[in-house]
Amino acid sequence: LLASTGLLKGRNCATHWMAANDFRQWFPEVNLVTERIITDEHGLYS
């Protein structure tokens, strides 16, 4: 839902590793970091 806002474009994001393939397909402009538990960029956290 956060990525659907467009706010994560060009930024790092974490999510459940089971959904990583779907996330990359839907939001190729977001840098998915599958190994991370927390991301913190410009007031956006995941």
ModelCIF file with pLDDT and N, C-alpha, C, O atoms, coordinates in Angstrom:
data_MODEL
#
_entry.id   MODEL 
#
_entity.id                         1 
_entity.type                       polymer 
_entity.pdbx_number_of_molecules   1 
#
_entity_poly.entity_id                      1 
_entity_poly.type                           'polypeptide(L)' 
_entity_poly.nstd_linkage                   no 
_entity_poly.nstd_monomer                   no 
_entity_poly.pdbx_seq_one_letter_code       LLASTGLLKGRNCATHWMAANDFRQWFPEVNLVTERIITDEHGLYS 
_entity_poly.pdbx_seq_one_letter_code_can   LLASTGLLKGRNCATHWMAANDFRQWFPEVNLVTERIITDEHGLYS 
_entity_poly.pdbx_strand_id                 A 
#
loop_
_entity_poly_seq.entity_id 
_entity_poly_seq.num 
_entity_poly_seq.mon_id 
_entity_poly_seq.hetero 
1 1  LEU n 
1 2  LEU n 
1 3  ALA n 
1 4  SER n 
1 5  THR n 
1 6  GLY n 
1 7  LEU n 
1 8  LEU n 
1 9  LYS n 
1 10 GLY n 
1 11 ARG n 
1 12 ASN n 
1 13 CYS n 
1 14 ALA n 
1 15 THR n 
1 16 HIS n 
1 17 TRP n 
1 18 MET n 
1 19 ALA n 
1 20 ALA n 
1 21 ASN n 
1 22 ASP n 
1 23 PHE n 
1 24 ARG n 
1 25 GLN n 
1 26 TRP n 
1 27 PHE n 
1 28 PRO n 
1 29 GLU n 
1 30 VAL n 
1 31 ASN n 
1 32 LEU n 
1 33 VAL n 
1 34 THR n 
1 35 GLU n 
1 36 ARG n 
1 37 ILE n 
1 38 ILE n 
1 39 THR n 
1 40 ASP n 
1 41 GLU n 
1 42 HIS n 
1 43 GLY n 
1 44 LEU n 
1 45 TYR n 
1 46 SER n 
#
_struct_asym.id          A 
_struct_asym.entity_id   1 
#
loop_
_ma_qa_metric.id 
_ma_qa_metric.mode 
_ma_qa_metric.name 
_ma_qa_metric.software_group_id 
_ma_qa_metric.type 
1 global pLDDT . pLDDT 
2 local  pLDDT . pLDDT 
#
_ma_qa_metric_global.metric_id      1 
_ma_qa_metric_global.metric_value   94.52 
_ma_qa_metric_global.model_id       1 
_ma_qa_metric_global.ordinal_id     1 
#
loop_
_ma_qa_metric_local.label_asym_id 
_ma_qa_metric_local.label_comp_id 
_ma_qa_metric_local.label_seq_id 
_ma_qa_metric_local.metric_id 
_ma_qa_metric_local.metric_value 
_ma_qa_metric_local.model_id 
_ma_qa_metric_local.ordinal_id 
A LEU 1  2 98.00 1 1  
A LEU 2  2 98.00 1 2  
A ALA 3  2 98.00 1 3  
A SER 4  2 98.00 1 4  
A THR 5  2 98.00 1 5  
A GLY 6  2 97.00 1 6  
A LEU 7  2 98.00 1 7  
A LEU 8  2 97.00 1 8  
A LYS 9  2 97.00 1 9  
A GLY 10 2 96.00 1 10 
A ARG 11 2 97.00 1 11 
A ASN 12 2 96.00 1 12 
A CYS 13 2 97.00 1 13 
A ALA 14 2 95.00 1 14 
A THR 15 2 95.00 1 15 
A HIS 16 2 94.00 1 16 
A TRP 17 2 90.00 1 17 
A MET 18 2 90.00 1 18 
A ALA 19 2 93.00 1 19 
A ALA 20 2 91.00 1 20 
A ASN 21 2 89.00 1 21 
A ASP 22 2 92.00 1 22 
A PHE 23 2 95.00 1 23 
A ARG 24 2 92.00 1 24 
A GLN 25 2 91.00 1 25 
A TRP 26 2 95.00 1 26 
A PHE 27 2 97.00 1 27 
A PRO 28 2 94.00 1 28 
A GLU 29 2 96.00 1 29 
A VAL 30 2 97.00 1 30 
A ASN 31 2 95.00 1 31 
A LEU 32 2 95.00 1 32 
A VAL 33 2 92.00 1 33 
A THR 34 2 84.00 1 34 
A GLU 35 2 84.00 1 35 
A ARG 36 2 89.00 1 36 
A ILE 37 2 91.00 1 37 
A ILE 38 2 94.00 1 38 
A THR 39 2 96.00 1 39 
A ASP 40 2 96.00 1 40 
A GLU 41 2 95.00 1 41 
A HIS 42 2 96.00 1 42 
A GLY 43 2 97.00 1 43 
A LEU 44 2 98.00 1 44 
A TYR 45 2 98.00 1 45 
A SER 46 2 97.00 1 46 
#
loop_
_atom_site.group_PDB 
_atom_site.id 
_atom_site.type_symbol 
_atom_site.label_atom_id 
_atom_site.label_alt_id 
_atom_site.label_comp_id 
_atom_site.label_asym_id 
_atom_site.label_entity_id 
_atom_site.label_seq_id 
_atom_site.pdbx_PDB_ins_code 
_atom_site.Cartn_x 
_atom_site.Cartn_y 
_atom_site.Cartn_z 
_atom_site.occupancy 
_atom_site.B_iso_or_equiv 
_atom_site.pdbx_formal_charge 
_atom_site.auth_seq_id 
_atom_site.auth_comp_id 
_atom_site.auth_asym_id 
_atom_site.auth_atom_id 
_atom_site.pdbx_PDB_model_num 
ATOM 1   N N  . LEU A 1 1  ? 0.833  -1.201  0.000   1.00 98.00 ? 1  LEU A N  1 
ATOM 2   C CA . LEU A 1 1  ? 0.000  0.000   0.000   1.00 98.00 ? 1  LEU A CA 1 
ATOM 3   C C  . LEU A 1 1  ? 0.869  1.254   0.000   1.00 98.00 ? 1  LEU A C  1 
ATOM 4   O O  . LEU A 1 1  ? 0.562  2.217   -0.702  1.00 98.00 ? 1  LEU A O  1 
ATOM 5   N N  . LEU A 1 2  ? 1.944  1.252   0.775   1.00 98.00 ? 2  LEU A N  1 
ATOM 6   C CA . LEU A 1 2  ? 2.849  2.397   0.786   1.00 98.00 ? 2  LEU A CA 1 
ATOM 7   C C  . LEU A 1 2  ? 3.480  2.608   -0.591  1.00 98.00 ? 2  LEU A C  1 
ATOM 8   O O  . LEU A 1 2  ? 3.541  3.738   -1.077  1.00 98.00 ? 2  LEU A O  1 
ATOM 9   N N  . ALA A 1 3  ? 3.947  1.536   -1.219  1.00 98.00 ? 3  ALA A N  1 
ATOM 10  C CA . ALA A 1 3  ? 4.570  1.668   -2.543  1.00 98.00 ? 3  ALA A CA 1 
ATOM 11  C C  . ALA A 1 3  ? 3.580  2.169   -3.583  1.00 98.00 ? 3  ALA A C  1 
ATOM 12  O O  . ALA A 1 3  ? 3.967  2.836   -4.542  1.00 98.00 ? 3  ALA A O  1 
ATOM 13  N N  . SER A 1 4  ? 2.296  1.846   -3.395  1.00 98.00 ? 4  SER A N  1 
ATOM 14  C CA . SER A 1 4  ? 1.269  2.286   -4.342  1.00 98.00 ? 4  SER A CA 1 
ATOM 15  C C  . SER A 1 4  ? 1.077  3.803   -4.335  1.00 98.00 ? 4  SER A C  1 
ATOM 16  O O  . SER A 1 4  ? 0.481  4.356   -5.259  1.00 98.00 ? 4  SER A O  1 
ATOM 17  N N  . THR A 1 5  ? 1.576  4.474   -3.304  1.00 98.00 ? 5  THR A N  1 
ATOM 18  C CA . THR A 1 5  ? 1.481  5.931   -3.253  1.00 98.00 ? 5  THR A CA 1 
ATOM 19  C C  . THR A 1 5  ? 2.486  6.603   -4.181  1.00 98.00 ? 5  THR A C  1 
ATOM 20  O O  . THR A 1 5  ? 2.331  7.775   -4.523  1.00 98.00 ? 5  THR A O  1 
ATOM 21  N N  . GLY A 1 6  ? 3.522  5.859   -4.593  1.00 97.00 ? 6  GLY A N  1 
ATOM 22  C CA . GLY A 1 6  ? 4.595  6.445   -5.392  1.00 97.00 ? 6  GLY A CA 1 
ATOM 23  C C  . GLY A 1 6  ? 5.674  7.111   -4.565  1.00 97.00 ? 6  GLY A C  1 
ATOM 24  O O  . GLY A 1 6  ? 6.674  7.566   -5.121  1.00 97.00 ? 6  GLY A O  1 
ATOM 25  N N  . LEU A 1 7  ? 5.505  7.184   -3.250  1.00 98.00 ? 7  LEU A N  1 
ATOM 26  C CA . LEU A 1 7  ? 6.473  7.869   -2.398  1.00 98.00 ? 7  LEU A CA 1 
ATOM 27  C C  . LEU A 1 7  ? 7.800  7.121   -2.294  1.00 98.00 ? 7  LEU A C  1 
ATOM 28  O O  . LEU A 1 7  ? 8.822  7.718   -1.958  1.00 98.00 ? 7  LEU A O  1 
ATOM 29  N N  . LEU A 1 8  ? 7.790  5.823   -2.580  1.00 97.00 ? 8  LEU A N  1 
ATOM 30  C CA . LEU A 1 8  ? 9.006  5.019   -2.436  1.00 97.00 ? 8  LEU A CA 1 
ATOM 31  C C  . LEU A 1 8  ? 9.839  4.964   -3.710  1.00 97.00 ? 8  LEU A C  1 
ATOM 32  O O  . LEU A 1 8  ? 10.865 4.285   -3.733  1.00 97.00 ? 8  LEU A O  1 
ATOM 33  N N  . LYS A 1 9  ? 9.443  5.639   -4.739  1.00 97.00 ? 9  LYS A N  1 
ATOM 34  C CA . LYS A 1 9  ? 10.172 5.579   -6.013  1.00 97.00 ? 9  LYS A CA 1 
ATOM 35  C C  . LYS A 1 9  ? 11.634 5.977   -5.804  1.00 97.00 ? 9  LYS A C  1 
ATOM 36  O O  . LYS A 1 9  ? 11.931 7.063   -5.305  1.00 97.00 ? 9  LYS A O  1 
ATOM 37  N N  . GLY A 1 10 ? 12.543 5.074   -6.197  1.00 96.00 ? 10 GLY A N  1 
ATOM 38  C CA . GLY A 1 10 ? 13.971 5.316   -6.064  1.00 96.00 ? 10 GLY A CA 1 
ATOM 39  C C  . GLY A 1 10 ? 14.516 5.133   -4.659  1.00 96.00 ? 10 GLY A C  1 
ATOM 40  O O  . GLY A 1 10 ? 15.679 5.439   -4.397  1.00 96.00 ? 10 GLY A O  1 
ATOM 41  N N  . ARG A 1 11 ? 13.671 4.629   -3.742  1.00 97.00 ? 11 ARG A N  1 
ATOM 42  C CA . ARG A 1 11 ? 14.092 4.474   -2.354  1.00 97.00 ? 11 ARG A CA 1 
ATOM 43  C C  . ARG A 1 11 ? 14.070 3.005   -1.931  1.00 97.00 ? 11 ARG A C  1 
ATOM 44  O O  . ARG A 1 11 ? 13.510 2.153   -2.621  1.00 97.00 ? 11 ARG A O  1 
ATOM 45  N N  . ASN A 1 12 ? 14.689 2.729   -0.786  1.00 96.00 ? 12 ASN A N  1 
ATOM 46  C CA . ASN A 1 12 ? 14.726 1.374   -0.251  1.00 96.00 ? 12 ASN A CA 1 
ATOM 47  C C  . ASN A 1 12 ? 13.417 1.030   0.446   1.00 96.00 ? 12 ASN A C  1 
ATOM 48  O O  . ASN A 1 12 ? 12.740 1.897   0.997   1.00 96.00 ? 12 ASN A O  1 
ATOM 49  N N  . CYS A 1 13 ? 13.076 -0.253  0.411   1.00 97.00 ? 13 CYS A N  1 
ATOM 50  C CA . CYS A 1 13 ? 11.880 -0.729  1.100   1.00 97.00 ? 13 CYS A CA 1 
ATOM 51  C C  . CYS A 1 13 ? 12.089 -2.187  1.482   1.00 97.00 ? 13 CYS A C  1 
ATOM 52  O O  . CYS A 1 13 ? 12.715 -2.951  0.747   1.00 97.00 ? 13 CYS A O  1 
ATOM 53  N N  . ALA A 1 14 ? 11.555 -2.563  2.641   1.00 95.00 ? 14 ALA A N  1 
ATOM 54  C CA . ALA A 1 14 ? 11.562 -3.961  3.087   1.00 95.00 ? 14 ALA A CA 1 
ATOM 55  C C  . ALA A 1 14 ? 10.131 -4.468  3.126   1.00 95.00 ? 14 ALA A C  1 
ATOM 56  O O  . ALA A 1 14 ? 9.189  -3.688  3.268   1.00 95.00 ? 14 ALA A O  1 
ATOM 57  N N  . THR A 1 15 ? 9.974  -5.773  3.000   1.00 95.00 ? 15 THR A N  1 
ATOM 58  C CA . THR A 1 15 ? 8.674  -6.413  3.174   1.00 95.00 ? 15 THR A CA 1 
ATOM 59  C C  . THR A 1 15 ? 8.926  -7.880  3.485   1.00 95.00 ? 15 THR A C  1 
ATOM 60  O O  . THR A 1 15 ? 10.075 -8.286  3.661   1.00 95.00 ? 15 THR A O  1 
ATOM 61  N N  . HIS A 1 16 ? 7.877  -8.672  3.552   1.00 94.00 ? 16 HIS A N  1 
ATOM 62  C CA . HIS A 1 16 ? 8.055  -10.096 3.830   1.00 94.00 ? 16 HIS A CA 1 
ATOM 63  C C  . HIS A 1 16 ? 8.799  -10.750 2.670   1.00 94.00 ? 16 HIS A C  1 
ATOM 64  O O  . HIS A 1 16 ? 8.489  -10.498 1.506   1.00 94.00 ? 16 HIS A O  1 
ATOM 65  N N  . TRP A 1 17 ? 9.789  -11.597 2.995   1.00 90.00 ? 17 TRP A N  1 
ATOM 66  C CA . TRP A 1 17 ? 10.585 -12.235 1.937   1.00 90.00 ? 17 TRP A CA 1 
ATOM 67  C C  . TRP A 1 17 ? 9.732  -13.095 1.019   1.00 90.00 ? 17 TRP A C  1 
ATOM 68  O O  . TRP A 1 17 ? 10.091 -13.289 -0.143  1.00 90.00 ? 17 TRP A O  1 
ATOM 69  N N  . MET A 1 18 ? 8.602  -13.621 1.512   1.00 90.00 ? 18 MET A N  1 
ATOM 70  C CA . MET A 1 18 ? 7.757  -14.464 0.660   1.00 90.00 ? 18 MET A CA 1 
ATOM 71  C C  . MET A 1 18 ? 7.102  -13.668 -0.467  1.00 90.00 ? 18 MET A C  1 
ATOM 72  O O  . MET A 1 18 ? 6.728  -14.233 -1.495  1.00 90.00 ? 18 MET A O  1 
ATOM 73  N N  . ALA A 1 19 ? 6.965  -12.359 -0.274  1.00 93.00 ? 19 ALA A N  1 
ATOM 74  C CA . ALA A 1 19 ? 6.307  -11.514 -1.273  1.00 93.00 ? 19 ALA A CA 1 
ATOM 75  C C  . ALA A 1 19 ? 7.311  -10.756 -2.134  1.00 93.00 ? 19 ALA A C  1 
ATOM 76  O O  . ALA A 1 19 ? 6.921  -9.883  -2.909  1.00 93.00 ? 19 ALA A O  1 
ATOM 77  N N  . ALA A 1 20 ? 8.592  -11.076 -2.011  1.00 91.00 ? 20 ALA A N  1 
ATOM 78  C CA . ALA A 1 20 ? 9.622  -10.291 -2.701  1.00 91.00 ? 20 ALA A CA 1 
ATOM 79  C C  . ALA A 1 20 ? 9.456  -10.311 -4.220  1.00 91.00 ? 20 ALA A C  1 
ATOM 80  O O  . ALA A 1 20 ? 9.586  -9.272  -4.868  1.00 91.00 ? 20 ALA A O  1 
ATOM 81  N N  . ASN A 1 21 ? 9.173  -11.471 -4.788  1.00 89.00 ? 21 ASN A N  1 
ATOM 82  C CA . ASN A 1 21 ? 9.046  -11.559 -6.250  1.00 89.00 ? 21 ASN A CA 1 
ATOM 83  C C  . ASN A 1 21 ? 7.881  -10.715 -6.753  1.00 89.00 ? 21 ASN A C  1 
ATOM 84  O O  . ASN A 1 21 ? 8.015  -10.002 -7.747  1.00 89.00 ? 21 ASN A O  1 
ATOM 85  N N  . ASP A 1 22 ? 6.739  -10.794 -6.070  1.00 92.00 ? 22 ASP A N  1 
ATOM 86  C CA . ASP A 1 22 ? 5.584  -9.980  -6.460  1.00 92.00 ? 22 ASP A CA 1 
ATOM 87  C C  . ASP A 1 22 ? 5.901  -8.495  -6.327  1.00 92.00 ? 22 ASP A C  1 
ATOM 88  O O  . ASP A 1 22 ? 5.555  -7.699  -7.200  1.00 92.00 ? 22 ASP A O  1 
ATOM 89  N N  . PHE A 1 23 ? 6.557  -8.129  -5.234  1.00 95.00 ? 23 PHE A N  1 
ATOM 90  C CA . PHE A 1 23 ? 6.847  -6.713  -5.003  1.00 95.00 ? 23 PHE A CA 1 
ATOM 91  C C  . PHE A 1 23 ? 7.734  -6.165  -6.118  1.00 95.00 ? 23 PHE A C  1 
ATOM 92  O O  . PHE A 1 23 ? 7.476  -5.078  -6.633  1.00 95.00 ? 23 PHE A O  1 
ATOM 93  N N  . ARG A 1 24 ? 8.769  -6.903  -6.492  1.00 92.00 ? 24 ARG A N  1 
ATOM 94  C CA . ARG A 1 24 ? 9.669  -6.436  -7.555  1.00 92.00 ? 24 ARG A CA 1 
ATOM 95  C C  . ARG A 1 24 ? 8.931  -6.282  -8.877  1.00 92.00 ? 24 ARG A C  1 
ATOM 96  O O  . ARG A 1 24 ? 9.187  -5.341  -9.628  1.00 92.00 ? 24 ARG A O  1 
ATOM 97  N N  . GLN A 1 25 ? 8.020  -7.200  -9.162  1.00 91.00 ? 25 GLN A N  1 
ATOM 98  C CA . GLN A 1 25 ? 7.259  -7.101  -10.414 1.00 91.00 ? 25 GLN A CA 1 
ATOM 99  C C  . GLN A 1 25 ? 6.341  -5.887  -10.413 1.00 91.00 ? 25 GLN A C  1 
ATOM 100 O O  . GLN A 1 25 ? 6.242  -5.186  -11.420 1.00 91.00 ? 25 GLN A O  1 
ATOM 101 N N  . TRP A 1 26 ? 5.675  -5.633  -9.303  1.00 95.00 ? 26 TRP A N  1 
ATOM 102 C CA . TRP A 1 26 ? 4.716  -4.537  -9.242  1.00 95.00 ? 26 TRP A CA 1 
ATOM 103 C C  . TRP A 1 26 ? 5.391  -3.177  -9.144  1.00 95.00 ? 26 TRP A C  1 
ATOM 104 O O  . TRP A 1 26 ? 4.901  -2.194  -9.699  1.00 95.00 ? 26 TRP A O  1 
ATOM 105 N N  . PHE A 1 27 ? 6.524  -3.123  -8.432  1.00 97.00 ? 27 PHE A N  1 
ATOM 106 C CA . PHE A 1 27 ? 7.156  -1.831  -8.158  1.00 97.00 ? 27 PHE A CA 1 
ATOM 107 C C  . PHE A 1 27 ? 8.642  -1.868  -8.541  1.00 97.00 ? 27 PHE A C  1 
ATOM 108 O O  . PHE A 1 27 ? 9.507  -1.775  -7.669  1.00 97.00 ? 27 PHE A O  1 
ATOM 109 N N  . PRO A 1 28 ? 8.938  -2.003  -9.824  1.00 94.00 ? 28 PRO A N  1 
ATOM 110 C CA . PRO A 1 28 ? 10.344 -2.088  -10.236 1.00 94.00 ? 28 PRO A CA 1 
ATOM 111 C C  . PRO A 1 28 ? 11.142 -0.823  -9.938  1.00 94.00 ? 28 PRO A C  1 
ATOM 112 O O  . PRO A 1 28 ? 12.372 -0.855  -9.917  1.00 94.00 ? 28 PRO A O  1 
ATOM 113 N N  . GLU A 1 29 ? 10.452 0.284   -9.709  1.00 96.00 ? 29 GLU A N  1 
ATOM 114 C CA . GLU A 1 29 ? 11.139 1.546   -9.434  1.00 96.00 ? 29 GLU A CA 1 
ATOM 115 C C  . GLU A 1 29 ? 11.562 1.674   -7.965  1.00 96.00 ? 29 GLU A C  1 
ATOM 116 O O  . GLU A 1 29 ? 12.239 2.634   -7.597  1.00 96.00 ? 29 GLU A O  1 
ATOM 117 N N  . VAL A 1 30 ? 11.161 0.706   -7.123  1.00 97.00 ? 30 VAL A N  1 
ATOM 118 C CA . VAL A 1 30 ? 11.515 0.710   -5.703  1.00 97.00 ? 30 VAL A CA 1 
ATOM 119 C C  . VAL A 1 30 ? 12.653 -0.274  -5.475  1.00 97.00 ? 30 VAL A C  1 
ATOM 120 O O  . VAL A 1 30 ? 12.653 -1.364  -6.048  1.00 97.00 ? 30 VAL A O  1 
ATOM 121 N N  . ASN A 1 31 ? 13.615 0.094   -4.652  1.00 95.00 ? 31 ASN A N  1 
ATOM 122 C CA . ASN A 1 31 ? 14.749 -0.779  -4.354  1.00 95.00 ? 31 ASN A CA 1 
ATOM 123 C C  . ASN A 1 31 ? 14.401 -1.683  -3.175  1.00 95.00 ? 31 ASN A C  1 
ATOM 124 O O  . ASN A 1 31 ? 14.531 -1.280  -2.019  1.00 95.00 ? 31 ASN A O  1 
ATOM 125 N N  . LEU A 1 32 ? 13.962 -2.896  -3.468  1.00 95.00 ? 32 LEU A N  1 
ATOM 126 C CA . LEU A 1 32 ? 13.577 -3.835  -2.416  1.00 95.00 ? 32 LEU A CA 1 
ATOM 127 C C  . LEU A 1 32 ? 14.828 -4.423  -1.774  1.00 95.00 ? 32 LEU A C  1 
ATOM 128 O O  . LEU A 1 32 ? 15.701 -4.947  -2.466  1.00 95.00 ? 32 LEU A O  1 
ATOM 129 N N  . VAL A 1 33 ? 14.911 -4.334  -0.457  1.00 92.00 ? 33 VAL A N  1 
ATOM 130 C CA . VAL A 1 33 ? 16.056 -4.883  0.277   1.00 92.00 ? 33 VAL A CA 1 
ATOM 131 C C  . VAL A 1 33 ? 15.530 -6.033  1.140   1.00 92.00 ? 33 VAL A C  1 
ATOM 132 O O  . VAL A 1 33 ? 15.109 -5.837  2.280   1.00 92.00 ? 33 VAL A O  1 
ATOM 133 N N  . THR A 1 34 ? 15.567 -7.214  0.573   1.00 84.00 ? 34 THR A N  1 
ATOM 134 C CA . THR A 1 34 ? 14.905 -8.358  1.207   1.00 84.00 ? 34 THR A CA 1 
ATOM 135 C C  . THR A 1 34 ? 15.557 -8.781  2.508   1.00 84.00 ? 34 THR A C  1 
ATOM 136 O O  . THR A 1 34 ? 14.911 -9.399  3.353   1.00 84.00 ? 34 THR A O  1 
ATOM 137 N N  . GLU A 1 35 ? 16.845 -8.452  2.682   1.00 84.00 ? 35 GLU A N  1 
ATOM 138 C CA . GLU A 1 35 ? 17.523 -8.902  3.892   1.00 84.00 ? 35 GLU A CA 1 
ATOM 139 C C  . GLU A 1 35 ? 17.274 -7.991  5.087   1.00 84.00 ? 35 GLU A C  1 
ATOM 140 O O  . GLU A 1 35 ? 17.548 -8.383  6.222   1.00 84.00 ? 35 GLU A O  1 
ATOM 141 N N  . ARG A 1 36 ? 16.770 -6.805  4.863   1.00 89.00 ? 36 ARG A N  1 
ATOM 142 C CA . ARG A 1 36 ? 16.646 -5.819  5.933   1.00 89.00 ? 36 ARG A CA 1 
ATOM 143 C C  . ARG A 1 36 ? 15.351 -5.999  6.720   1.00 89.00 ? 36 ARG A C  1 
ATOM 144 O O  . ARG A 1 36 ? 14.326 -6.392  6.163   1.00 89.00 ? 36 ARG A O  1 
ATOM 145 N N  . ILE A 1 37 ? 15.406 -5.710  8.015   1.00 91.00 ? 37 ILE A N  1 
ATOM 146 C CA . ILE A 1 37 ? 14.205 -5.686  8.839   1.00 91.00 ? 37 ILE A CA 1 
ATOM 147 C C  . ILE A 1 37 ? 13.625 -4.277  8.894   1.00 91.00 ? 37 ILE A C  1 
ATOM 148 O O  . ILE A 1 37 ? 12.409 -4.109  8.991   1.00 91.00 ? 37 ILE A O  1 
ATOM 149 N N  . ILE A 1 38 ? 14.480 -3.273  8.832   1.00 94.00 ? 38 ILE A N  1 
ATOM 150 C CA . ILE A 1 38 ? 14.023 -1.889  8.933   1.00 94.00 ? 38 ILE A CA 1 
ATOM 151 C C  . ILE A 1 38 ? 14.666 -1.049  7.833   1.00 94.00 ? 38 ILE A C  1 
ATOM 152 O O  . ILE A 1 38 ? 15.863 -1.172  7.573   1.00 94.00 ? 38 ILE A O  1 
ATOM 153 N N  . THR A 1 39 ? 13.871 -0.198  7.190   1.00 96.00 ? 39 THR A N  1 
ATOM 154 C CA . THR A 1 39 ? 14.430 0.856   6.343   1.00 96.00 ? 39 THR A CA 1 
ATOM 155 C C  . THR A 1 39 ? 13.933 2.200   6.865   1.00 96.00 ? 39 THR A C  1 
ATOM 156 O O  . THR A 1 39 ? 12.839 2.305   7.420   1.00 96.00 ? 39 THR A O  1 
ATOM 157 N N  . ASP A 1 40 ? 14.749 3.210   6.677   1.00 96.00 ? 40 ASP A N  1 
ATOM 158 C CA . ASP A 1 40 ? 14.458 4.556   7.179   1.00 96.00 ? 40 ASP A CA 1 
ATOM 159 C C  . ASP A 1 40 ? 15.036 5.545   6.177   1.00 96.00 ? 40 ASP A C  1 
ATOM 160 O O  . ASP A 1 40 ? 16.248 5.758   6.137   1.00 96.00 ? 40 ASP A O  1 
ATOM 161 N N  . GLU A 1 41 ? 14.172 6.149   5.371   1.00 95.00 ? 41 GLU A N  1 
ATOM 162 C CA . GLU A 1 41 ? 14.620 7.111   4.371   1.00 95.00 ? 41 GLU A CA 1 
ATOM 163 C C  . GLU A 1 41 ? 13.613 8.249   4.230   1.00 95.00 ? 41 GLU A C  1 
ATOM 164 O O  . GLU A 1 41 ? 12.456 8.024   3.876   1.00 95.00 ? 41 GLU A O  1 
ATOM 165 N N  . HIS A 1 42 ? 14.054 9.450   4.506   1.00 96.00 ? 42 HIS A N  1 
ATOM 166 C CA . HIS A 1 42 ? 13.246 10.647  4.265   1.00 96.00 ? 42 HIS A CA 1 
ATOM 167 C C  . HIS A 1 42 ? 11.865 10.566  4.915   1.00 96.00 ? 42 HIS A C  1 
ATOM 168 O O  . HIS A 1 42 ? 10.861 10.940  4.309   1.00 96.00 ? 42 HIS A O  1 
ATOM 169 N N  . GLY A 1 43 ? 11.825 10.075  6.148   1.00 97.00 ? 43 GLY A N  1 
ATOM 170 C CA . GLY A 1 43 ? 10.547 9.995   6.838   1.00 97.00 ? 43 GLY A CA 1 
ATOM 171 C C  . GLY A 1 43 ? 9.643  8.879   6.373   1.00 97.00 ? 43 GLY A C  1 
ATOM 172 O O  . GLY A 1 43 ? 8.451  8.877   6.681   1.00 97.00 ? 43 GLY A O  1 
ATOM 173 N N  . LEU A 1 44 ? 10.190 7.929   5.636   1.00 98.00 ? 44 LEU A N  1 
ATOM 174 C CA . LEU A 1 44 ? 9.456  6.740   5.188   1.00 98.00 ? 44 LEU A CA 1 
ATOM 175 C C  . LEU A 1 44 ? 10.150 5.513   5.773   1.00 98.00 ? 44 LEU A C  1 
ATOM 176 O O  . LEU A 1 44 ? 11.354 5.325   5.600   1.00 98.00 ? 44 LEU A O  1 
ATOM 177 N N  . TYR A 1 45 ? 9.384  4.691   6.460   1.00 98.00 ? 45 TYR A N  1 
ATOM 178 C CA . TYR A 1 45 ? 9.929  3.512   7.120   1.00 98.00 ? 45 TYR A CA 1 
ATOM 179 C C  . TYR A 1 45 ? 9.228  2.257   6.594   1.00 98.00 ? 45 TYR A C  1 
ATOM 180 O O  . TYR A 1 45 ? 8.084  2.313   6.144   1.00 98.00 ? 45 TYR A O  1 
ATOM 181 N N  . SER A 1 46 ? 9.925  1.138   6.660   1.00 97.00 ? 46 SER A N  1 
ATOM 182 C CA . SER A 1 46 ? 9.280  -0.139  6.328   1.00 97.00 ? 46 SER A CA 1 
ATOM 183 C C  . SER A 1 46 ? 9.922  -1.224  7.167   1.00 97.00 ? 46 SER A C  1 
ATOM 184 O O  . SER A 1 46 ? 9.544  -2.390  7.063   1.00 97.00 ? 46 SER A O  1 
#
